[in-house]
Amino acid sequence: MIVDIKSLIRKAGKEEQFYPGKRILKRYSVPGEFKSHCVVFDWQTDKIKVELKAGLSGRALDTKDLKKYPVSYQASTYLELVAENDDEIEDEDEDETKGKSGKGGSGGKKPKQRKLEESALSLSAFDKVTEGQVSDKATITKFVVMGKELAQEAYATAFENFKEQLSQTKVMAMDVMKDVGNIIKKATPGGGLEAKGNESVKYEYNTERTAGLFGAMSP
């Protein structure tokens, strides 16, 4: 599914330019202890990640702090995307990977040299965005809500739900699940474990029954 990244960022009230190496933070200060959260837009070299995080710093919290937040903010909620028309960056990454797999495991490149090349790539990406050459379109490759990976057929509805949340005073992960029906591709266990196999799970969305569980504010 192809989406408009610029439109997504504007929905969050941000007018900043977005390009490889750029990180944008949207904070949601919610009254009450351990309810504030944020959404991080992070364009790495090979992918874009949009993630809902507990707290306002945009950094991963220690377990002892994270467990104080509602479970909907403890579990991972994020999108992974790949930008369209990003062939040059992908070719650069592929060449570097081949070099690392060669003799000596580094392709003859020293860490300092690789760091300089990465910096040059970021500057090149910045030049492109200022010239309007960086695409605003990206393809969703992975969509996880509260630790559960969604099936591709659920991307469109879940994405629109998430996008609508960005302009509100808070982002509720459970509301991303609204009107999507059978959406779970596989369960993602905690504790660093990997999910095995595919597991079809039916999610029944009911705001009144689930709001208290996931830390929604009382009207």
Protein backbone atom coordinates (compact mmCIF):
# COMPACT_ATOMS: atom_id res chain seq x y z
CA MET A 1 0.00 0.00 0.00
CA ILE A 2 1.42 3.39 -1.07
CA VAL A 3 0.81 6.38 1.22
CA ASP A 4 1.67 10.09 1.25
CA ILE A 5 4.25 10.74 3.96
CA LYS A 6 4.06 14.54 3.75
CA SER A 7 0.29 14.37 4.28
CA LEU A 8 0.82 12.12 7.31
CA ILE A 9 3.29 14.56 8.89
CA ARG A 10 1.03 17.54 8.21
CA LYS A 11 -1.81 15.66 9.90
CA ALA A 12 0.38 15.67 13.00
CA GLY A 13 0.66 19.46 12.73
CA LYS A 14 4.23 19.45 11.42
CA GLU A 15 5.39 21.42 8.38
CA GLU A 16 9.03 20.31 8.48
CA GLN A 17 10.83 18.85 5.47
CA PHE A 18 11.38 15.10 5.75
CA TYR A 19 14.28 13.25 4.14
CA PRO A 20 16.78 10.42 4.86
CA GLY A 21 18.50 11.07 8.18
CA LYS A 22 15.67 13.32 9.44
CA ARG A 23 13.76 12.64 12.67
CA ILE A 24 10.54 14.45 13.59
CA LEU A 25 8.90 14.25 17.01
CA LYS A 26 5.23 14.98 17.70
CA ARG A 27 4.44 15.23 21.42
CA TYR A 28 1.04 14.62 23.03
CA SER A 29 0.99 16.06 26.57
CA VAL A 30 -1.95 14.40 28.30
CA PRO A 31 -3.12 15.43 31.81
CA GLY A 32 -2.45 12.77 34.40
CA GLU A 33 0.60 10.78 35.39
CA PHE A 34 2.12 8.35 32.85
CA LYS A 35 -0.28 9.19 30.02
CA SER A 36 1.75 11.55 27.85
CA HIS A 37 3.19 10.02 24.69
CA CYS A 38 4.65 10.90 21.31
CA VAL A 39 4.89 9.79 17.69
CA VAL A 40 8.35 9.58 16.12
CA PHE A 41 8.88 9.92 12.36
CA ASP A 42 12.34 8.51 11.67
CA TRP A 43 13.71 8.28 8.11
CA GLN A 44 16.67 5.96 8.29
CA THR A 45 18.90 5.19 5.30
CA ASP A 46 16.88 2.24 4.07
CA LYS A 47 13.43 2.75 5.59
CA ILE A 48 10.99 5.07 7.32
CA LYS A 49 9.60 4.20 10.73
CA VAL A 50 6.61 5.92 12.33
CA GLU A 51 6.27 4.82 15.95
CA LEU A 52 4.01 5.55 18.92
CA LYS A 53 6.06 5.77 22.12
CA ALA A 54 5.33 6.27 25.80
CA GLY A 55 6.69 9.51 27.25
CA LEU A 56 7.64 12.72 25.46
CA SER A 57 11.33 12.18 24.73
CA GLY A 58 10.93 9.84 21.76
CA ARG A 59 13.48 7.49 23.31
CA ALA A 60 12.87 3.94 24.50
CA LEU A 61 12.08 3.92 28.22
CA ASP A 62 13.55 1.56 30.80
CA THR A 63 11.25 -1.31 31.69
CA LYS A 64 10.75 0.01 35.23
CA ASP A 65 9.42 3.29 33.80
CA LEU A 66 7.55 1.84 30.83
CA LYS A 67 5.46 -0.52 32.98
CA LYS A 68 3.86 2.51 34.69
CA TYR A 69 2.09 3.43 31.42
CA PRO A 70 -1.14 1.83 30.11
CA VAL A 71 -0.48 -1.44 28.27
CA SER A 72 -1.41 0.15 24.94
CA TYR A 73 1.76 2.27 25.22
CA GLN A 74 3.91 -0.54 26.58
CA ALA A 75 3.38 -2.73 23.52
CA SER A 76 4.88 -1.74 20.17
CA THR A 77 2.78 0.26 17.69
CA TYR A 78 4.57 1.32 14.53
CA LEU A 79 4.65 1.43 10.72
CA GLU A 80 7.65 0.57 8.59
CA LEU A 81 7.74 2.07 5.10
CA VAL A 82 10.06 2.21 2.10
CA ALA A 83 10.19 5.46 0.12
CA GLU A 84 9.37 5.35 -3.58
CA ASN A 85 12.03 6.39 -6.13
CA ASP A 86 14.78 5.61 -3.63
CA ASP A 87 16.89 3.51 -6.02
CA GLU A 88 20.12 5.42 -5.50
CA ILE A 89 20.09 4.96 -1.72
CA GLU A 90 19.22 1.27 -2.07
CA ASP A 91 22.12 0.78 -4.53
CA GLU A 92 24.52 2.46 -2.09
CA ASP A 93 23.40 0.16 0.71
CA GLU A 94 23.69 -2.93 -1.50
CA ASP A 95 27.23 -2.04 -2.57
CA GLU A 96 28.27 -1.51 1.05
CA THR A 97 26.74 -4.84 2.09
CA LYS A 98 28.64 -6.66 -0.67
CA GLY A 99 31.85 -4.98 0.44
CA LYS A 100 31.35 -6.07 4.04
CA SER A 101 30.83 -9.69 2.96
CA GLY A 102 34.11 -9.72 1.03
CA LYS A 103 37.60 -10.60 2.20
CA GLY A 104 38.23 -9.54 5.77
CA GLY A 105 34.50 -8.82 6.31
CA SER A 106 34.84 -5.08 5.68
CA GLY A 107 35.44 -4.80 1.94
CA GLY A 108 38.66 -2.93 2.67
CA LYS A 109 36.76 0.05 4.11
CA LYS A 110 37.77 1.42 7.49
CA PRO A 111 35.04 2.51 9.98
CA LYS A 112 36.03 6.18 9.55
CA GLN A 113 35.71 5.89 5.76
CA ARG A 114 32.27 4.26 6.02
CA LYS A 115 31.14 7.00 8.43
CA LEU A 116 32.24 9.71 6.00
CA GLU A 117 30.35 7.97 3.18
CA GLU A 118 27.19 7.79 5.32
CA SER A 119 27.50 11.50 6.12
CA ALA A 120 27.93 12.30 2.43
CA LEU A 121 24.80 10.25 1.68
CA SER A 122 22.79 12.24 4.24
CA LEU A 123 24.01 15.54 2.75
CA SER A 124 23.10 14.28 -0.72
CA ALA A 125 19.61 13.40 0.53
CA PHE A 126 19.24 16.89 2.03
CA ASP A 127 20.27 18.47 -1.29
CA LYS A 128 17.63 16.39 -3.05
CA VAL A 129 14.81 17.39 -0.71
CA THR A 130 15.65 21.09 -1.02
CA GLU A 131 15.44 20.67 -4.78
CA GLY A 132 12.14 18.79 -4.52
CA GLN A 133 13.68 15.49 -5.68
CA VAL A 134 12.72 13.32 -2.67
CA SER A 135 9.42 11.53 -3.16
CA ASP A 136 6.58 12.03 -0.68
CA LYS A 137 5.26 8.55 -1.45
CA ALA A 138 6.16 5.44 0.51
CA THR A 139 5.01 1.82 0.63
CA ILE A 140 3.94 0.24 3.93
CA THR A 141 5.95 -2.95 4.45
CA LYS A 142 4.97 -3.67 8.05
CA PHE A 143 2.21 -2.46 10.39
CA VAL A 144 2.21 -3.44 14.07
CA VAL A 145 -0.44 -2.38 16.59
CA MET A 146 0.03 -3.15 20.30
CA GLY A 147 2.56 -5.86 19.48
CA LYS A 148 0.41 -7.55 16.83
CA GLU A 149 1.39 -7.51 13.16
CA LEU A 150 -1.47 -6.65 10.83
CA ALA A 151 -2.34 -8.44 7.61
CA GLN A 152 -1.88 -6.39 4.43
CA GLU A 153 -5.62 -6.26 3.77
CA ALA A 154 -6.01 -4.28 7.00
CA TYR A 155 -3.40 -1.61 6.13
CA ALA A 156 -5.77 0.85 4.43
CA THR A 157 -8.32 1.07 7.25
CA ALA A 158 -5.76 0.95 10.05
CA PHE A 159 -3.65 3.63 8.35
CA GLU A 160 -6.61 6.00 8.00
CA ASN A 161 -7.48 5.40 11.67
CA PHE A 162 -3.90 6.15 12.70
CA LYS A 163 -3.68 9.21 10.48
CA GLU A 164 -6.89 10.64 11.97
CA GLN A 165 -5.49 10.10 15.49
CA LEU A 166 -2.44 12.27 14.73
CA SER A 167 -4.48 15.48 14.68
CA GLN A 168 -6.19 14.79 18.00
CA THR A 169 -5.04 15.56 21.55
CA LYS A 170 -3.86 11.98 22.08
CA VAL A 171 -3.17 8.84 20.08
CA MET A 172 -4.94 5.71 21.31
CA ALA A 173 -3.47 2.53 19.85
CA MET A 174 -6.71 0.63 20.34
CA ASP A 175 -8.54 3.11 18.09
CA VAL A 176 -6.26 2.13 15.21
CA MET A 177 -8.03 -1.25 15.37
CA LYS A 178 -11.47 0.23 14.70
CA ASP A 179 -13.51 -1.30 11.86
CA VAL A 180 -10.78 -3.60 10.62
CA GLY A 181 -12.25 -7.03 11.50
CA ASN A 182 -9.85 -9.96 11.13
CA ILE A 183 -6.56 -8.13 10.90
CA ILE A 184 -3.90 -9.97 12.88
CA LYS A 185 -1.21 -11.65 10.83
CA LYS A 186 0.72 -13.10 13.75
CA ALA A 187 1.14 -12.53 17.47
CA THR A 188 4.42 -10.96 18.58
CA PRO A 189 5.46 -12.21 22.03
CA GLY A 190 7.36 -9.99 24.43
CA GLY A 191 10.69 -10.55 26.12
CA GLY A 192 12.65 -10.55 22.88
CA LEU A 193 11.01 -13.74 21.58
CA GLU A 194 10.25 -14.21 17.89
CA ALA A 195 6.76 -15.04 16.64
CA LYS A 196 6.50 -18.38 14.82
CA GLY A 197 3.95 -19.20 12.14
CA ASN A 198 0.81 -17.32 11.23
CA GLU A 199 -2.06 -16.99 13.63
CA SER A 200 -5.51 -15.73 12.67
CA VAL A 201 -7.02 -13.71 15.47
CA LYS A 202 -10.43 -12.04 15.43
CA TYR A 203 -10.48 -8.65 17.14
CA GLU A 204 -13.82 -7.32 18.34
CA TYR A 205 -13.63 -3.56 18.83
CA ASN A 206 -15.79 -2.16 21.63
CA THR A 207 -14.82 1.28 22.96
CA GLU A 208 -16.87 1.09 26.17
CA ARG A 209 -15.50 -2.30 27.19
CA THR A 210 -11.84 -1.64 26.33
CA ALA A 211 -11.28 2.05 27.11
CA GLY A 212 -10.55 1.48 30.79
CA LEU A 213 -8.16 -1.38 30.09
CA PHE A 214 -6.01 0.68 27.73
CA GLY A 215 -5.90 3.83 29.81
CA ALA A 216 -8.42 6.03 28.02
CA MET A 217 -9.36 9.25 29.77
CA SER A 218 -12.80 9.43 31.31
CA PRO A 219 -15.11 11.96 29.61
